[in-house]
Amino acid sequence: MARKPIVVPCPSCRQPSRYGPENPWRPFCSERCRSLDLGAWASESYRVPAISPPDGPADDNESDPPRH
């Protein structure tokens, strides 16, 4: 019984892309889309938002000395 191929949207161009061993660029649809994505990472176009921690202890219990 043959499996139905999994088709996902390409992360770069959103076109249908086969997700399986027959597609060496998976999850991308082509080498071009894969290279464009790699270039975006290399040029730091993709960034993860960072939230700075507040100054001082986050909890009042952190400033108390340990109890034995």
PDB file of N, CA and C in Angstrom:
ATOM      1  N   MET A   1       0.837  -1.172   0.000  1.00  0.00           N
ATOM      2  CA  MET A   1       0.000   0.000   0.000  1.00  0.00           C
ATOM      3  C   MET A   1       0.889   1.244   0.000  1.00  0.00           C
ATOM      4  N   ALA A   2       0.762   2.056  -1.005  1.00  0.00           N
ATOM      5  CA  ALA A   2       1.600   3.253  -1.146  1.00  0.00           C
ATOM      6  C   ALA A   2       1.090   4.355  -0.226  1.00  0.00           C
ATOM      7  N   ARG A   3       2.041   5.050   0.379  1.00  0.00           N
ATOM      8  CA  ARG A   3       1.687   6.178   1.232  1.00  0.00           C
ATOM      9  C   ARG A   3       1.430   7.415   0.386  1.00  0.00           C
ATOM     10  N   LYS A   4       0.473   8.210   0.811  1.00  0.00           N
ATOM     11  CA  LYS A   4       0.204   9.468   0.131  1.00  0.00           C
ATOM     12  C   LYS A   4       1.322  10.441   0.511  1.00  0.00           C
ATOM     13  N   PRO A   5       1.939  11.114  -0.465  1.00  0.00           N
ATOM     14  CA  PRO A   5       3.039  12.033  -0.131  1.00  0.00           C
ATOM     15  C   PRO A   5       2.541  13.203   0.718  1.00  0.00           C
ATOM     16  N   ILE A   6       3.375  13.622   1.640  1.00  0.00           N
ATOM     17  CA  ILE A   6       3.061  14.763   2.486  1.00  0.00           C
ATOM     18  C   ILE A   6       3.456  16.016   1.727  1.00  0.00           C
ATOM     19  N   VAL A   7       2.542  16.956   1.649  1.00  0.00           N
ATOM     20  CA  VAL A   7       2.797  18.222   0.968  1.00  0.00           C
ATOM     21  C   VAL A   7       2.635  19.337   1.997  1.00  0.00           C
ATOM     22  N   VAL A   8       3.675  20.170   2.101  1.00  0.00           N
ATOM     23  CA  VAL A   8       3.669  21.292   3.049  1.00  0.00           C
ATOM     24  C   VAL A   8       3.965  22.579   2.286  1.00  0.00           C
ATOM     25  N   PRO A   9       3.569  23.721   2.824  1.00  0.00           N
ATOM     26  CA  PRO A   9       3.941  24.971   2.156  1.00  0.00           C
ATOM     27  C   PRO A   9       5.428  25.260   2.359  1.00  0.00           C
ATOM     28  N   CYS A  10       6.090  25.677   1.306  1.00  0.00           N
ATOM     29  CA  CYS A  10       7.501  26.056   1.387  1.00  0.00           C
ATOM     30  C   CYS A  10       7.617  27.247   2.342  1.00  0.00           C
ATOM     31  N   PRO A  11       8.545  27.217   3.300  1.00  0.00           N
ATOM     32  CA  PRO A  11       8.689  28.332   4.233  1.00  0.00           C
ATOM     33  C   PRO A  11       9.059  29.658   3.565  1.00  0.00           C
ATOM     34  N   SER A  12       9.664  29.603   2.380  1.00  0.00           N
ATOM     35  CA  SER A  12      10.078  30.833   1.699  1.00  0.00           C
ATOM     36  C   SER A  12       9.002  31.399   0.783  1.00  0.00           C
ATOM     37  N   CYS A  13       8.513  30.572  -0.150  1.00  0.00           N
ATOM     38  CA  CYS A  13       7.588  31.081  -1.166  1.00  0.00           C
ATOM     39  C   CYS A  13       6.142  30.640  -0.960  1.00  0.00           C
ATOM     40  N   ARG A  14       5.905  29.753   0.003  1.00  0.00           N
ATOM     41  CA  ARG A  14       4.573  29.258   0.349  1.00  0.00           C
ATOM     42  C   ARG A  14       3.945  28.354  -0.713  1.00  0.00           C
ATOM     43  N   GLN A  15       4.682  27.975  -1.742  1.00  0.00           N
ATOM     44  CA  GLN A  15       4.178  27.047  -2.752  1.00  0.00           C
ATOM     45  C   GLN A  15       4.191  25.633  -2.175  1.00  0.00           C
ATOM     46  N   PRO A  16       3.345  24.727  -2.683  1.00  0.00           N
ATOM     47  CA  PRO A  16       3.351  23.347  -2.180  1.00  0.00           C
ATOM     48  C   PRO A  16       4.711  22.684  -2.396  1.00  0.00           C
ATOM     49  N   SER A  17       5.154  21.977  -1.378  1.00  0.00           N
ATOM     50  CA  SER A  17       6.451  21.300  -1.432  1.00  0.00           C
ATOM     51  C   SER A  17       6.295  19.897  -0.862  1.00  0.00           C
ATOM     52  N   ARG A  18       6.808  18.898  -1.584  1.00  0.00           N
ATOM     53  CA  ARG A  18       6.741  17.518  -1.093  1.00  0.00           C
ATOM     54  C   ARG A  18       7.741  17.347   0.046  1.00  0.00           C
ATOM     55  N   TYR A  19       7.264  16.795   1.144  1.00  0.00           N
ATOM     56  CA  TYR A  19       8.121  16.561   2.302  1.00  0.00           C
ATOM     57  C   TYR A  19       8.424  15.065   2.361  1.00  0.00           C
ATOM     58  N   GLY A  20       9.559  14.703   1.802  1.00  0.00           N
ATOM     59  CA  GLY A  20       9.953  13.305   1.782  1.00  0.00           C
ATOM     60  C   GLY A  20      11.341  13.160   1.206  1.00  0.00           C
ATOM     61  N   PRO A  21      11.866  11.942   1.201  1.00  0.00           N
ATOM     62  CA  PRO A  21      13.235  11.712   0.743  1.00  0.00           C
ATOM     63  C   PRO A  21      13.462  12.064  -0.725  1.00  0.00           C
ATOM     64  N   GLU A  22      12.400  12.127  -1.515  1.00  0.00           N
ATOM     65  CA  GLU A  22      12.571  12.492  -2.926  1.00  0.00           C
ATOM     66  C   GLU A  22      12.842  13.980  -3.111  1.00  0.00           C
ATOM     67  N   ASN A  23      12.663  14.784  -2.071  1.00  0.00           N
ATOM     68  CA  ASN A  23      12.928  16.227  -2.133  1.00  0.00           C
ATOM     69  C   ASN A  23      14.151  16.540  -1.264  1.00  0.00           C
ATOM     70  N   PRO A  24      15.326  16.707  -1.853  1.00  0.00           N
ATOM     71  CA  PRO A  24      16.540  16.933  -1.058  1.00  0.00           C
ATOM     72  C   PRO A  24      16.569  18.288  -0.350  1.00  0.00           C
ATOM     73  N   TRP A  25      15.656  19.191  -0.686  1.00  0.00           N
ATOM     74  CA  TRP A  25      15.655  20.523  -0.074  1.00  0.00           C
ATOM     75  C   TRP A  25      14.550  20.673   0.966  1.00  0.00           C
ATOM     76  N   ARG A  26      13.866  19.582   1.313  1.00  0.00           N
ATOM     77  CA  ARG A  26      12.736  19.689   2.238  1.00  0.00           C
ATOM     78  C   ARG A  26      13.110  20.426   3.503  1.00  0.00           C
ATOM     79  N   PRO A  27      12.282  21.232   4.053  1.00  0.00           N
ATOM     80  CA  PRO A  27      10.891  21.494   3.702  1.00  0.00           C
ATOM     81  C   PRO A  27      10.722  22.525   2.592  1.00  0.00           C
ATOM     82  N   PHE A  28      11.817  22.995   2.015  1.00  0.00           N
ATOM     83  CA  PHE A  28      11.738  23.979   0.937  1.00  0.00           C
ATOM     84  C   PHE A  28      11.390  23.290  -0.378  1.00  0.00           C
ATOM     85  N   CYS A  29      10.875  24.069  -1.328  1.00  0.00           N
ATOM     86  CA  CYS A  29      10.483  23.492  -2.614  1.00  0.00           C
ATOM     87  C   CYS A  29      11.659  23.394  -3.572  1.00  0.00           C
ATOM     88  N   SER A  30      12.702  24.176  -3.344  1.00  0.00           N
ATOM     89  CA  SER A  30      13.833  24.185  -4.275  1.00  0.00           C
ATOM     90  C   SER A  30      15.116  24.613  -3.568  1.00  0.00           C
ATOM     91  N   GLU A  31      16.211  24.406  -4.255  1.00  0.00           N
ATOM     92  CA  GLU A  31      17.505  24.839  -3.725  1.00  0.00           C
ATOM     93  C   GLU A  31      17.541  26.363  -3.581  1.00  0.00           C
ATOM     94  N   ARG A  32      16.899  27.064  -4.499  1.00  0.00           N
ATOM     95  CA  ARG A  32      16.850  28.532  -4.451  1.00  0.00           C
ATOM     96  C   ARG A  32      16.177  29.006  -3.153  1.00  0.00           C
ATOM     97  N   CYS A  33      15.020  28.455  -2.820  1.00  0.00           N
ATOM     98  CA  CYS A  33      14.316  28.868  -1.605  1.00  0.00           C
ATOM     99  C   CYS A  33      15.141  28.534  -0.355  1.00  0.00           C
ATOM    100  N   ARG A  34      15.791  27.376  -0.366  1.00  0.00           N
ATOM    101  CA  ARG A  34      16.634  27.001   0.764  1.00  0.00           C
ATOM    102  C   ARG A  34      17.793  27.978   0.922  1.00  0.00           C
ATOM    103  N   SER A  35      18.410  28.362  -0.189  1.00  0.00           N
ATOM    104  CA  SER A  35      19.536  29.294  -0.150  1.00  0.00           C
ATOM    105  C   SER A  35      19.102  30.688   0.301  1.00  0.00           C
ATOM    106  N   LEU A  36      17.930  31.120  -0.144  1.00  0.00           N
ATOM    107  CA  LEU A  36      17.418  32.422   0.292  1.00  0.00           C
ATOM    108  C   LEU A  36      17.206  32.441   1.803  1.00  0.00           C
ATOM    109  N   ASP A  37      16.667  31.351   2.336  1.00  0.00           N
ATOM    110  CA  ASP A  37      16.433  31.262   3.776  1.00  0.00           C
ATOM    111  C   ASP A  37      17.753  31.251   4.546  1.00  0.00           C
ATOM    112  N   LEU A  38      18.725  30.488   4.066  1.00  0.00           N
ATOM    113  CA  LEU A  38      20.036  30.440   4.706  1.00  0.00           C
ATOM    114  C   LEU A  38      20.690  31.816   4.688  1.00  0.00           C
ATOM    115  N   GLY A  39      20.564  32.520   3.568  1.00  0.00           N
ATOM    116  CA  GLY A  39      21.119  33.872   3.466  1.00  0.00           C
ATOM    117  C   GLY A  39      20.474  34.833   4.451  1.00  0.00           C
ATOM    118  N   ALA A  40      19.168  34.673   4.672  1.00  0.00           N
ATOM    119  CA  ALA A  40      18.474  35.532   5.642  1.00  0.00           C
ATOM    120  C   ALA A  40      18.995  35.279   7.052  1.00  0.00           C
ATOM    121  N   TRP A  41      19.236  34.007   7.388  1.00  0.00           N
ATOM    122  CA  TRP A  41      19.806  33.698   8.713  1.00  0.00           C
ATOM    123  C   TRP A  41      21.227  34.255   8.820  1.00  0.00           C
ATOM    124  N   ALA A  42      22.025  34.072   7.776  1.00  0.00           N
ATOM    125  CA  ALA A  42      23.424  34.517   7.797  1.00  0.00           C
ATOM    126  C   ALA A  42      23.537  36.032   7.915  1.00  0.00           C
ATOM    127  N   SER A  43      22.604  36.759   7.318  1.00  0.00           N
ATOM    128  CA  SER A  43      22.652  38.225   7.398  1.00  0.00           C
ATOM    129  C   SER A  43      21.898  38.757   8.622  1.00  0.00           C
ATOM    130  N   GLU A  44      21.440  37.835   9.468  1.00  0.00           N
ATOM    131  CA  GLU A  44      20.721  38.170  10.700  1.00  0.00           C
ATOM    132  C   GLU A  44      19.414  38.911  10.439  1.00  0.00           C
ATOM    133  N   SER A  45      18.755  38.579   9.322  1.00  0.00           N
ATOM    134  CA  SER A  45      17.436  39.149   9.045  1.00  0.00           C
ATOM    135  C   SER A  45      16.375  38.571   9.976  1.00  0.00           C
ATOM    136  N   TYR A  46      16.579  37.330  10.392  1.00  0.00           N
ATOM    137  CA  TYR A  46      15.670  36.705  11.350  1.00  0.00           C
ATOM    138  C   TYR A  46      16.208  36.979  12.744  1.00  0.00           C
ATOM    139  N   ARG A  47      15.345  37.433  13.618  1.00  0.00           N
ATOM    140  CA  ARG A  47      15.764  37.696  14.996  1.00  0.00           C
ATOM    141  C   ARG A  47      14.721  37.169  15.962  1.00  0.00           C
ATOM    142  N   VAL A  48      15.183  36.710  17.084  1.00  0.00           N
ATOM    143  CA  VAL A  48      14.297  36.257  18.142  1.00  0.00           C
ATOM    144  C   VAL A  48      14.142  37.414  19.120  1.00  0.00           C
ATOM    145  N   PRO A  49      12.903  37.842  19.389  1.00  0.00           N
ATOM    146  CA  PRO A  49      12.734  38.966  20.313  1.00  0.00           C
ATOM    147  C   PRO A  49      13.203  38.580  21.712  1.00  0.00           C
ATOM    148  N   ALA A  50      13.877  39.504  22.347  1.00  0.00           N
ATOM    149  CA  ALA A  50      14.373  39.267  23.705  1.00  0.00           C
ATOM    150  C   ALA A  50      13.751  40.285  24.644  1.00  0.00           C
ATOM    151  N   ILE A  51      13.354  39.811  25.790  1.00  0.00           N
ATOM    152  CA  ILE A  51      12.815  40.683  26.819  1.00  0.00           C
ATOM    153  C   ILE A  51      13.849  40.750  27.928  1.00  0.00           C
ATOM    154  N   SER A  52      14.297  41.946  28.237  1.00  0.00           N
ATOM    155  CA  SER A  52      15.296  42.108  29.285  1.00  0.00           C
ATOM    156  C   SER A  52      14.662  41.809  30.639  1.00  0.00           C
ATOM    157  N   PRO A  53      15.387  41.082  31.492  1.00  0.00           N
ATOM    158  CA  PRO A  53      14.845  40.810  32.831  1.00  0.00           C
ATOM    159  C   PRO A  53      14.792  42.102  33.635  1.00  0.00           C
ATOM    160  N   PRO A  54      13.848  42.206  34.541  1.00  0.00           N
ATOM    161  CA  PRO A  54      13.764  43.418  35.370  1.00  0.00           C
ATOM    162  C   PRO A  54      14.970  43.508  36.301  1.00  0.00           C
ATOM    163  N   ASP A  55      15.323  44.718  36.691  1.00  0.00           N
ATOM    164  CA  ASP A  55      16.412  44.909  37.651  1.00  0.00           C
ATOM    165  C   ASP A  55      15.946  44.469  39.025  1.00  0.00           C
ATOM    166  N   GLY A  56      16.825  43.818  39.745  1.00  0.00           N
ATOM    167  CA  GLY A  56      16.499  43.379  41.096  1.00  0.00           C
ATOM    168  C   GLY A  56      15.891  41.992  41.110  1.00  0.00           C
ATOM    169  N   PRO A  57      15.603  41.487  42.300  1.00  0.00           N
ATOM    170  CA  PRO A  57      15.034  40.141  42.424  1.00  0.00           C
ATOM    171  C   PRO A  57      13.626  40.074  41.825  1.00  0.00           C
ATOM    172  N   ALA A  58      13.330  38.948  41.204  1.00  0.00           N
ATOM    173  CA  ALA A  58      12.015  38.759  40.601  1.00  0.00           C
ATOM    174  C   ALA A  58      10.975  38.405  41.647  1.00  0.00           C
ATOM    175  N   ASP A  59      11.419  37.892  42.789  1.00  0.00           N
ATOM    176  CA  ASP A  59      10.509  37.453  43.843  1.00  0.00           C
ATOM    177  C   ASP A  59      11.076  37.909  45.182  1.00  0.00           C
ATOM    178  N   ASP A  60      10.214  38.318  46.096  1.00  0.00           N
ATOM    179  CA  ASP A  60      10.679  38.773  47.414  1.00  0.00           C
ATOM    180  C   ASP A  60      11.419  37.674  48.161  1.00  0.00           C
ATOM    181  N   ASN A  61      11.078  36.417  47.923  1.00  0.00           N
ATOM    182  CA  ASN A  61      11.731  35.308  48.614  1.00  0.00           C
ATOM    183  C   ASN A  61      13.186  35.149  48.198  1.00  0.00           C
ATOM    184  N   GLU A  62      13.554  35.638  47.061  1.00  0.00           N
ATOM    185  CA  GLU A  62      14.934  35.494  46.595  1.00  0.00           C
ATOM    186  C   GLU A  62      15.897  36.323  47.422  1.00  0.00           C
ATOM    187  N   SER A  63      15.443  37.430  48.022  1.00  0.00           N
ATOM    188  CA  SER A  63      16.324  38.274  48.793  1.00  0.00           C
ATOM    189  C   SER A  63      16.465  37.793  50.243  1.00  0.00           C
ATOM    190  N   ASP A  64      15.605  36.871  50.687  1.00  0.00           N
ATOM    191  CA  ASP A  64      15.691  36.339  52.047  1.00  0.00           C
ATOM    192  C   ASP A  64      16.815  35.317  52.133  1.00  0.00           C
ATOM    193  N   PRO A  65      17.542  35.302  53.253  1.00  0.00           N
ATOM    194  CA  PRO A  65      18.576  34.267  53.411  1.00  0.00           C
ATOM    195  C   PRO A  65      17.941  32.897  53.541  1.00  0.00           C
ATOM    196  N   PRO A  66      18.662  31.835  53.127  1.00  0.00           N
ATOM    197  CA  PRO A  66      18.096  30.484  53.240  1.00  0.00           C
ATOM    198  C   PRO A  66      17.872  30.109  54.693  1.00  0.00           C
ATOM    199  N   ARG A  67      16.809  29.381  54.933  1.00  0.00           N
ATOM    200  CA  ARG A  67      16.481  28.933  56.310  1.00  0.00           C
ATOM    201  C   ARG A  67      16.880  27.481  56.459  1.00  0.00           C
ATOM    202  N   HIS A  68      17.410  27.159  57.636  1.00  0.00           N
ATOM    203  CA  HIS A  68      17.853  25.780  57.895  1.00  0.00           C
ATOM    204  C   HIS A  68      16.925  25.099  58.820  1.00  0.00           C
TER     205      HIS A  68
END
